[in-house]
Structures are given as C-alpha cells and as structure tokens.
Amino acid sequence: MRTIPIVEAKSHFSALLSEVEAGAEIAITKHGRVVARIVPDTPRMAADVFRPFWHESDIDLEAPADSLPEPVAPLE
C-alpha cells in the first residue's frame, strides 16, 4: 500500500484515483499518521458480508416457517 501526505494527495488527486482504479490502495497521512485510505470499489453481495456469521454455532439464521395469511375484514 502506497502512503502519501495529504498535501501531495490534494495536488495529484486525479492521478491517485487512476491508480486506485487500476487496483492500488493508497493511505493518506496527516502529520505522519494515516487518516484515510483510498481503495478500489468492489461490489459485494450481502451473502459475502454475512458468510463469517453463518459458521458461528450460536447464531440461528434459519428462516422462520411461512404462516398462512390472516383473514382481513371487508371494507364497508
């Protein structure tokens, strides 16, 4: 991961975005401390985000059984 000071990032922002678009990750620093990261946008599905929780034994992610619809009173 490339690290760049905020002053330099401001003056080369378009070039940095081109690098990120090509797959690079860039850390932006202020006074030597990382304050932000620019990373490529990768679409993720909800299933990918929650997959680690599925392997936990104490979490129940089973869908409840379908129930019949309740009758609705007719409108007058």
PDB file of N, CA and C in Angstrom:
ATOM      1  N   MET A   1       0.860  -1.156   0.000  1.00  0.00           N
ATOM      2  CA  MET A   1       0.000   0.000   0.000  1.00  0.00           C
ATOM      3  C   MET A   1       0.914   1.228   0.000  1.00  0.00           C
ATOM      4  N   ARG A   2       0.609   2.126  -0.883  1.00  0.00           N
ATOM      5  CA  ARG A   2       1.368   3.366  -1.002  1.00  0.00           C
ATOM      6  C   ARG A   2       0.862   4.371   0.036  1.00  0.00           C
ATOM      7  N   THR A   3       1.785   5.095   0.666  1.00  0.00           N
ATOM      8  CA  THR A   3       1.431   6.120   1.643  1.00  0.00           C
ATOM      9  C   THR A   3       1.830   7.477   1.079  1.00  0.00           C
ATOM     10  N   ILE A   4       0.928   8.445   1.208  1.00  0.00           N
ATOM     11  CA  ILE A   4       1.164   9.764   0.633  1.00  0.00           C
ATOM     12  C   ILE A   4       0.618  10.842   1.569  1.00  0.00           C
ATOM     13  N   PRO A   5       1.381  11.938   1.746  1.00  0.00           N
ATOM     14  CA  PRO A   5       0.880  13.018   2.607  1.00  0.00           C
ATOM     15  C   PRO A   5      -0.313  13.736   1.967  1.00  0.00           C
ATOM     16  N   ILE A   6      -1.163  14.294   2.803  1.00  0.00           N
ATOM     17  CA  ILE A   6      -2.389  14.933   2.332  1.00  0.00           C
ATOM     18  C   ILE A   6      -2.113  16.072   1.344  1.00  0.00           C
ATOM     19  N   VAL A   7      -1.036  16.821   1.557  1.00  0.00           N
ATOM     20  CA  VAL A   7      -0.699  17.942   0.669  1.00  0.00           C
ATOM     21  C   VAL A   7      -0.433  17.426  -0.747  1.00  0.00           C
ATOM     22  N   GLU A   8       0.313  16.339  -0.837  1.00  0.00           N
ATOM     23  CA  GLU A   8       0.607  15.753  -2.145  1.00  0.00           C
ATOM     24  C   GLU A   8      -0.652  15.120  -2.752  1.00  0.00           C
ATOM     25  N   ALA A   9      -1.477  14.504  -1.916  1.00  0.00           N
ATOM     26  CA  ALA A   9      -2.704  13.873  -2.408  1.00  0.00           C
ATOM     27  C   ALA A   9      -3.636  14.909  -3.030  1.00  0.00           C
ATOM     28  N   LYS A  10      -3.711  16.083  -2.402  1.00  0.00           N
ATOM     29  CA  LYS A  10      -4.576  17.146  -2.931  1.00  0.00           C
ATOM     30  C   LYS A  10      -4.125  17.589  -4.318  1.00  0.00           C
ATOM     31  N   SER A  11      -2.831  17.675  -4.521  1.00  0.00           N
ATOM     32  CA  SER A  11      -2.349  18.174  -5.806  1.00  0.00           C
ATOM     33  C   SER A  11      -2.312  17.108  -6.894  1.00  0.00           C
ATOM     34  N   HIS A  12      -2.410  15.825  -6.520  1.00  0.00           N
ATOM     35  CA  HIS A  12      -2.366  14.737  -7.512  1.00  0.00           C
ATOM     36  C   HIS A  12      -3.582  13.817  -7.418  1.00  0.00           C
ATOM     37  N   PHE A  13      -4.714  14.362  -7.000  1.00  0.00           N
ATOM     38  CA  PHE A  13      -5.885  13.531  -6.723  1.00  0.00           C
ATOM     39  C   PHE A  13      -6.340  12.712  -7.925  1.00  0.00           C
ATOM     40  N   SER A  14      -6.401  13.322  -9.105  1.00  0.00           N
ATOM     41  CA  SER A  14      -6.842  12.593 -10.307  1.00  0.00           C
ATOM     42  C   SER A  14      -5.921  11.426 -10.618  1.00  0.00           C
ATOM     43  N   ALA A  15      -4.624  11.636 -10.484  1.00  0.00           N
ATOM     44  CA  ALA A  15      -3.668  10.564 -10.747  1.00  0.00           C
ATOM     45  C   ALA A  15      -3.816   9.443  -9.718  1.00  0.00           C
ATOM     46  N   LEU A  16      -4.066   9.819  -8.461  1.00  0.00           N
ATOM     47  CA  LEU A  16      -4.270   8.816  -7.418  1.00  0.00           C
ATOM     48  C   LEU A  16      -5.510   7.976  -7.711  1.00  0.00           C
ATOM     49  N   LEU A  17      -6.572   8.632  -8.152  1.00  0.00           N
ATOM     50  CA  LEU A  17      -7.787   7.881  -8.485  1.00  0.00           C
ATOM     51  C   LEU A  17      -7.546   6.916  -9.635  1.00  0.00           C
ATOM     52  N   SER A  18      -6.715   7.300 -10.593  1.00  0.00           N
ATOM     53  CA  SER A  18      -6.378   6.390 -11.695  1.00  0.00           C
ATOM     54  C   SER A  18      -5.631   5.170 -11.173  1.00  0.00           C
ATOM     55  N   GLU A  19      -4.733   5.388 -10.223  1.00  0.00           N
ATOM     56  CA  GLU A  19      -4.011   4.261  -9.626  1.00  0.00           C
ATOM     57  C   GLU A  19      -4.970   3.337  -8.880  1.00  0.00           C
ATOM     58  N   VAL A  20      -5.879   3.925  -8.125  1.00  0.00           N
ATOM     59  CA  VAL A  20      -6.845   3.129  -7.368  1.00  0.00           C
ATOM     60  C   VAL A  20      -7.751   2.354  -8.319  1.00  0.00           C
ATOM     61  N   GLU A  21      -8.142   2.989  -9.395  1.00  0.00           N
ATOM     62  CA  GLU A  21      -8.979   2.314 -10.383  1.00  0.00           C
ATOM     63  C   GLU A  21      -8.260   1.097 -10.968  1.00  0.00           C
ATOM     64  N   ALA A  22      -6.934   1.171 -11.029  1.00  0.00           N
ATOM     65  CA  ALA A  22      -6.129   0.056 -11.540  1.00  0.00           C
ATOM     66  C   ALA A  22      -5.872  -1.005 -10.470  1.00  0.00           C
ATOM     67  N   GLY A  23      -6.350  -0.757  -9.228  1.00  0.00           N
ATOM     68  CA  GLY A  23      -6.236  -1.771  -8.186  1.00  0.00           C
ATOM     69  C   GLY A  23      -5.360  -1.400  -7.007  1.00  0.00           C
ATOM     70  N   ALA A  24      -4.715  -0.235  -7.042  1.00  0.00           N
ATOM     71  CA  ALA A  24      -3.837   0.167  -5.939  1.00  0.00           C
ATOM     72  C   ALA A  24      -4.650   0.618  -4.727  1.00  0.00           C
ATOM     73  N   GLU A  25      -4.038   0.512  -3.551  1.00  0.00           N
ATOM     74  CA  GLU A  25      -4.611   1.052  -2.322  1.00  0.00           C
ATOM     75  C   GLU A  25      -3.652   2.126  -1.837  1.00  0.00           C
ATOM     76  N   ILE A  26      -4.196   3.275  -1.450  1.00  0.00           N
ATOM     77  CA  ILE A  26      -3.368   4.405  -1.056  1.00  0.00           C
ATOM     78  C   ILE A  26      -3.796   4.899   0.316  1.00  0.00           C
ATOM     79  N   ALA A  27      -2.811   5.082   1.202  1.00  0.00           N
ATOM     80  CA  ALA A  27      -3.070   5.628   2.529  1.00  0.00           C
ATOM     81  C   ALA A  27      -2.704   7.105   2.504  1.00  0.00           C
ATOM     82  N   ILE A  28      -3.605   7.944   3.013  1.00  0.00           N
ATOM     83  CA  ILE A  28      -3.383   9.380   3.087  1.00  0.00           C
ATOM     84  C   ILE A  28      -2.963   9.716   4.522  1.00  0.00           C
ATOM     85  N   THR A  29      -1.850  10.448   4.670  1.00  0.00           N
ATOM     86  CA  THR A  29      -1.361  10.766   6.005  1.00  0.00           C
ATOM     87  C   THR A  29      -1.436  12.264   6.287  1.00  0.00           C
ATOM     88  N   LYS A  30      -1.582  12.576   7.561  1.00  0.00           N
ATOM     89  CA  LYS A  30      -1.558  13.955   8.041  1.00  0.00           C
ATOM     90  C   LYS A  30      -0.635  13.957   9.260  1.00  0.00           C
ATOM     91  N   HIS A  31       0.453  14.708   9.173  1.00  0.00           N
ATOM     92  CA  HIS A  31       1.459  14.744  10.234  1.00  0.00           C
ATOM     93  C   HIS A  31       1.992  13.337  10.525  1.00  0.00           C
ATOM     94  N   GLY A  32       2.164  12.529   9.465  1.00  0.00           N
ATOM     95  CA  GLY A  32       2.734  11.197   9.604  1.00  0.00           C
ATOM     96  C   GLY A  32       1.786  10.121  10.074  1.00  0.00           C
ATOM     97  N   ARG A  33       0.528  10.450  10.294  1.00  0.00           N
ATOM     98  CA  ARG A  33      -0.455   9.475  10.778  1.00  0.00           C
ATOM     99  C   ARG A  33      -1.493   9.236   9.700  1.00  0.00           C
ATOM    100  N   VAL A  34      -1.822   7.972   9.434  1.00  0.00           N
ATOM    101  CA  VAL A  34      -2.823   7.640   8.415  1.00  0.00           C
ATOM    102  C   VAL A  34      -4.187   8.120   8.884  1.00  0.00           C
ATOM    103  N   VAL A  35      -4.836   8.946   8.037  1.00  0.00           N
ATOM    104  CA  VAL A  35      -6.166   9.459   8.373  1.00  0.00           C
ATOM    105  C   VAL A  35      -7.238   8.951   7.416  1.00  0.00           C
ATOM    106  N   ALA A  36      -6.810   8.401   6.266  1.00  0.00           N
ATOM    107  CA  ALA A  36      -7.789   7.884   5.299  1.00  0.00           C
ATOM    108  C   ALA A  36      -7.104   6.890   4.378  1.00  0.00           C
ATOM    109  N   ARG A  37      -7.916   6.061   3.778  1.00  0.00           N
ATOM    110  CA  ARG A  37      -7.427   5.116   2.765  1.00  0.00           C
ATOM    111  C   ARG A  37      -8.324   5.221   1.542  1.00  0.00           C
ATOM    112  N   ILE A  38      -7.702   5.180   0.386  1.00  0.00           N
ATOM    113  CA  ILE A  38      -8.465   5.129  -0.861  1.00  0.00           C
ATOM    114  C   ILE A  38      -8.267   3.723  -1.399  1.00  0.00           C
ATOM    115  N   VAL A  39      -9.351   2.996  -1.552  1.00  0.00           N
ATOM    116  CA  VAL A  39      -9.292   1.613  -2.018  1.00  0.00           C
ATOM    117  C   VAL A  39     -10.258   1.436  -3.178  1.00  0.00           C
ATOM    118  N   PRO A  40      -9.977   0.477  -4.068  1.00  0.00           N
ATOM    119  CA  PRO A  40     -10.900   0.236  -5.187  1.00  0.00           C
ATOM    120  C   PRO A  40     -12.261  -0.206  -4.673  1.00  0.00           C
ATOM    121  N   ASP A  41     -13.289   0.224  -5.363  1.00  0.00           N
ATOM    122  CA  ASP A  41     -14.649  -0.181  -5.018  1.00  0.00           C
ATOM    123  C   ASP A  41     -14.895  -1.562  -5.598  1.00  0.00           C
ATOM    124  N   THR A  42     -15.204  -2.502  -4.727  1.00  0.00           N
ATOM    125  CA  THR A  42     -15.516  -3.853  -5.187  1.00  0.00           C
ATOM    126  C   THR A  42     -16.928  -4.184  -4.751  1.00  0.00           C
ATOM    127  N   PRO A  43     -17.799  -4.441  -5.699  1.00  0.00           N
ATOM    128  CA  PRO A  43     -19.178  -4.779  -5.312  1.00  0.00           C
ATOM    129  C   PRO A  43     -19.187  -6.058  -4.477  1.00  0.00           C
ATOM    130  N   ARG A  44     -19.976  -6.015  -3.410  1.00  0.00           N
ATOM    131  CA  ARG A  44     -20.105  -7.185  -2.547  1.00  0.00           C
ATOM    132  C   ARG A  44     -21.568  -7.522  -2.378  1.00  0.00           C
ATOM    133  N   MET A  45     -21.823  -8.793  -2.302  1.00  0.00           N
ATOM    134  CA  MET A  45     -23.184  -9.253  -2.040  1.00  0.00           C
ATOM    135  C   MET A  45     -23.349  -9.413  -0.536  1.00  0.00           C
ATOM    136  N   ALA A  46     -24.562  -9.268  -0.062  1.00  0.00           N
ATOM    137  CA  ALA A  46     -24.840  -9.416   1.366  1.00  0.00           C
ATOM    138  C   ALA A  46     -24.384 -10.791   1.858  1.00  0.00           C
ATOM    139  N   ALA A  47     -24.523 -11.802   1.029  1.00  0.00           N
ATOM    140  CA  ALA A  47     -24.115 -13.154   1.422  1.00  0.00           C
ATOM    141  C   ALA A  47     -22.617 -13.188   1.736  1.00  0.00           C
ATOM    142  N   ASP A  48     -21.813 -12.441   0.974  1.00  0.00           N
ATOM    143  CA  ASP A  48     -20.372 -12.414   1.234  1.00  0.00           C
ATOM    144  C   ASP A  48     -20.055 -11.717   2.548  1.00  0.00           C
ATOM    145  N   VAL A  49     -20.794 -10.672   2.859  1.00  0.00           N
ATOM    146  CA  VAL A  49     -20.556  -9.914   4.081  1.00  0.00           C
ATOM    147  C   VAL A  49     -20.916 -10.742   5.309  1.00  0.00           C
ATOM    148  N   PHE A  50     -22.020 -11.476   5.257  1.00  0.00           N
ATOM    149  CA  PHE A  50     -22.501 -12.215   6.422  1.00  0.00           C
ATOM    150  C   PHE A  50     -21.990 -13.653   6.494  1.00  0.00           C
ATOM    151  N   ARG A  51     -21.267 -14.116   5.490  1.00  0.00           N
ATOM    152  CA  ARG A  51     -20.801 -15.503   5.467  1.00  0.00           C
ATOM    153  C   ARG A  51     -20.050 -15.897   6.735  1.00  0.00           C
ATOM    154  N   PRO A  52     -19.158 -15.060   7.302  1.00  0.00           N
ATOM    155  CA  PRO A  52     -18.476 -15.484   8.532  1.00  0.00           C
ATOM    156  C   PRO A  52     -19.428 -15.783   9.688  1.00  0.00           C
ATOM    157  N   PHE A  53     -20.560 -15.113   9.752  1.00  0.00           N
ATOM    158  CA  PHE A  53     -21.518 -15.351  10.836  1.00  0.00           C
ATOM    159  C   PHE A  53     -22.236 -16.688  10.682  1.00  0.00           C
ATOM    160  N   TRP A  54     -22.346 -17.169   9.460  1.00  0.00           N
ATOM    161  CA  TRP A  54     -23.057 -18.425   9.233  1.00  0.00           C
ATOM    162  C   TRP A  54     -22.341 -19.603   9.872  1.00  0.00           C
ATOM    163  N   HIS A  55     -21.047 -19.466  10.065  1.00  0.00           N
ATOM    164  CA  HIS A  55     -20.279 -20.577  10.609  1.00  0.00           C
ATOM    165  C   HIS A  55     -20.242 -20.555  12.138  1.00  0.00           C
ATOM    166  N   GLU A  56     -20.830 -19.521  12.724  1.00  0.00           N
ATOM    167  CA  GLU A  56     -20.907 -19.453  14.183  1.00  0.00           C
ATOM    168  C   GLU A  56     -22.030 -20.383  14.640  1.00  0.00           C
ATOM    169  N   SER A  57     -21.761 -21.198  15.647  1.00  0.00           N
ATOM    170  CA  SER A  57     -22.758 -22.179  16.075  1.00  0.00           C
ATOM    171  C   SER A  57     -23.869 -21.578  16.928  1.00  0.00           C
ATOM    172  N   ASP A  58     -23.638 -20.416  17.559  1.00  0.00           N
ATOM    173  CA  ASP A  58     -24.655 -19.874  18.448  1.00  0.00           C
ATOM    174  C   ASP A  58     -25.591 -18.883  17.761  1.00  0.00           C
ATOM    175  N   ILE A  59     -25.459 -18.706  16.470  1.00  0.00           N
ATOM    176  CA  ILE A  59     -26.327 -17.781  15.734  1.00  0.00           C
ATOM    177  C   ILE A  59     -27.266 -18.591  14.846  1.00  0.00           C
ATOM    178  N   ASP A  60     -28.554 -18.329  14.967  1.00  0.00           N
ATOM    179  CA  ASP A  60     -29.548 -19.047  14.172  1.00  0.00           C
ATOM    180  C   ASP A  60     -30.010 -18.144  13.036  1.00  0.00           C
ATOM    181  N   LEU A  61     -29.626 -18.473  11.826  1.00  0.00           N
ATOM    182  CA  LEU A  61     -30.023 -17.681  10.674  1.00  0.00           C
ATOM    183  C   LEU A  61     -31.032 -18.423   9.804  1.00  0.00           C
ATOM    184  N   GLU A  62     -31.728 -19.384  10.385  1.00  0.00           N
ATOM    185  CA  GLU A  62     -32.747 -20.123   9.650  1.00  0.00           C
ATOM    186  C   GLU A  62     -33.984 -19.252   9.476  1.00  0.00           C
ATOM    187  N   ALA A  63     -34.565 -19.286   8.303  1.00  0.00           N
ATOM    188  CA  ALA A  63     -35.794 -18.525   8.060  1.00  0.00           C
ATOM    189  C   ALA A  63     -36.951 -19.184   8.809  1.00  0.00           C
ATOM    190  N   PRO A  64     -37.832 -18.391   9.380  1.00  0.00           N
ATOM    191  CA  PRO A  64     -38.984 -18.988  10.062  1.00  0.00           C
ATOM    192  C   PRO A  64     -39.927 -19.623   9.047  1.00  0.00           C
ATOM    193  N   ALA A  65     -40.714 -20.560   9.514  1.00  0.00           N
ATOM    194  CA  ALA A  65     -41.677 -21.217   8.631  1.00  0.00           C
ATOM    195  C   ALA A  65     -42.726 -20.206   8.169  1.00  0.00           C
ATOM    196  N   ASP A  66     -43.158 -20.357   6.937  1.00  0.00           N
ATOM    197  CA  ASP A  66     -44.213 -19.478   6.414  1.00  0.00           C
ATOM    198  C   ASP A  66     -45.516 -19.759   7.149  1.00  0.00           C
ATOM    199  N   SER A  67     -46.236 -18.727   7.443  1.00  0.00           N
ATOM    200  CA  SER A  67     -47.532 -18.900   8.089  1.00  0.00           C
ATOM    201  C   SER A  67     -48.623 -18.434   7.114  1.00  0.00           C
ATOM    202  N   LEU A  68     -49.825 -18.951   7.342  1.00  0.00           N
ATOM    203  CA  LEU A  68     -50.938 -18.598   6.461  1.00  0.00           C
ATOM    204  C   LEU A  68     -51.332 -17.148   6.727  1.00  0.00           C
ATOM    205  N   PRO A  69     -51.794 -16.456   5.705  1.00  0.00           N
ATOM    206  CA  PRO A  69     -52.230 -15.071   5.916  1.00  0.00           C
ATOM    207  C   PRO A  69     -53.465 -15.026   6.810  1.00  0.00           C
ATOM    208  N   GLU A  70     -53.532 -13.966   7.597  1.00  0.00           N
ATOM    209  CA  GLU A  70     -54.702 -13.788   8.463  1.00  0.00           C
ATOM    210  C   GLU A  70     -55.840 -13.186   7.650  1.00  0.00           C
ATOM    211  N   PRO A  71     -57.076 -13.574   7.949  1.00  0.00           N
ATOM    212  CA  PRO A  71     -58.209 -13.006   7.203  1.00  0.00           C
ATOM    213  C   PRO A  71     -58.360 -11.521   7.499  1.00  0.00           C
ATOM    214  N   VAL A  72     -58.800 -10.784   6.498  1.00  0.00           N
ATOM    215  CA  VAL A  72     -58.996  -9.340   6.628  1.00  0.00           C
ATOM    216  C   VAL A  72     -60.475  -9.054   6.564  1.00  0.00           C
ATOM    217  N   ALA A  73     -60.937  -8.178   7.454  1.00  0.00           N
ATOM    218  CA  ALA A  73     -62.360  -7.831   7.457  1.00  0.00           C
ATOM    219  C   ALA A  73     -62.658  -7.014   6.189  1.00  0.00           C
ATOM    220  N   PRO A  74     -63.827  -7.250   5.561  1.00  0.00           N
ATOM    221  CA  PRO A  74     -64.176  -6.496   4.353  1.00  0.00           C
ATOM    222  C   PRO A  74     -64.407  -5.024   4.677  1.00  0.00           C
ATOM    223  N   LEU A  75     -64.067  -4.166   3.720  1.00  0.00           N
ATOM    224  CA  LEU A  75     -64.313  -2.735   3.882  1.00  0.00           C
ATOM    225  C   LEU A  75     -65.770  -2.429   3.701  1.00  0.00           C
ATOM    226  N   GLU A  76     -66.298  -1.476   4.449  1.00  0.00           N
ATOM    227  CA  GLU A  76     -67.708  -1.124   4.322  1.00  0.00           C
ATOM    228  C   GLU A  76     -67.883   0.126   3.524  1.00  0.00           C
TER     229      GLU A  76
END
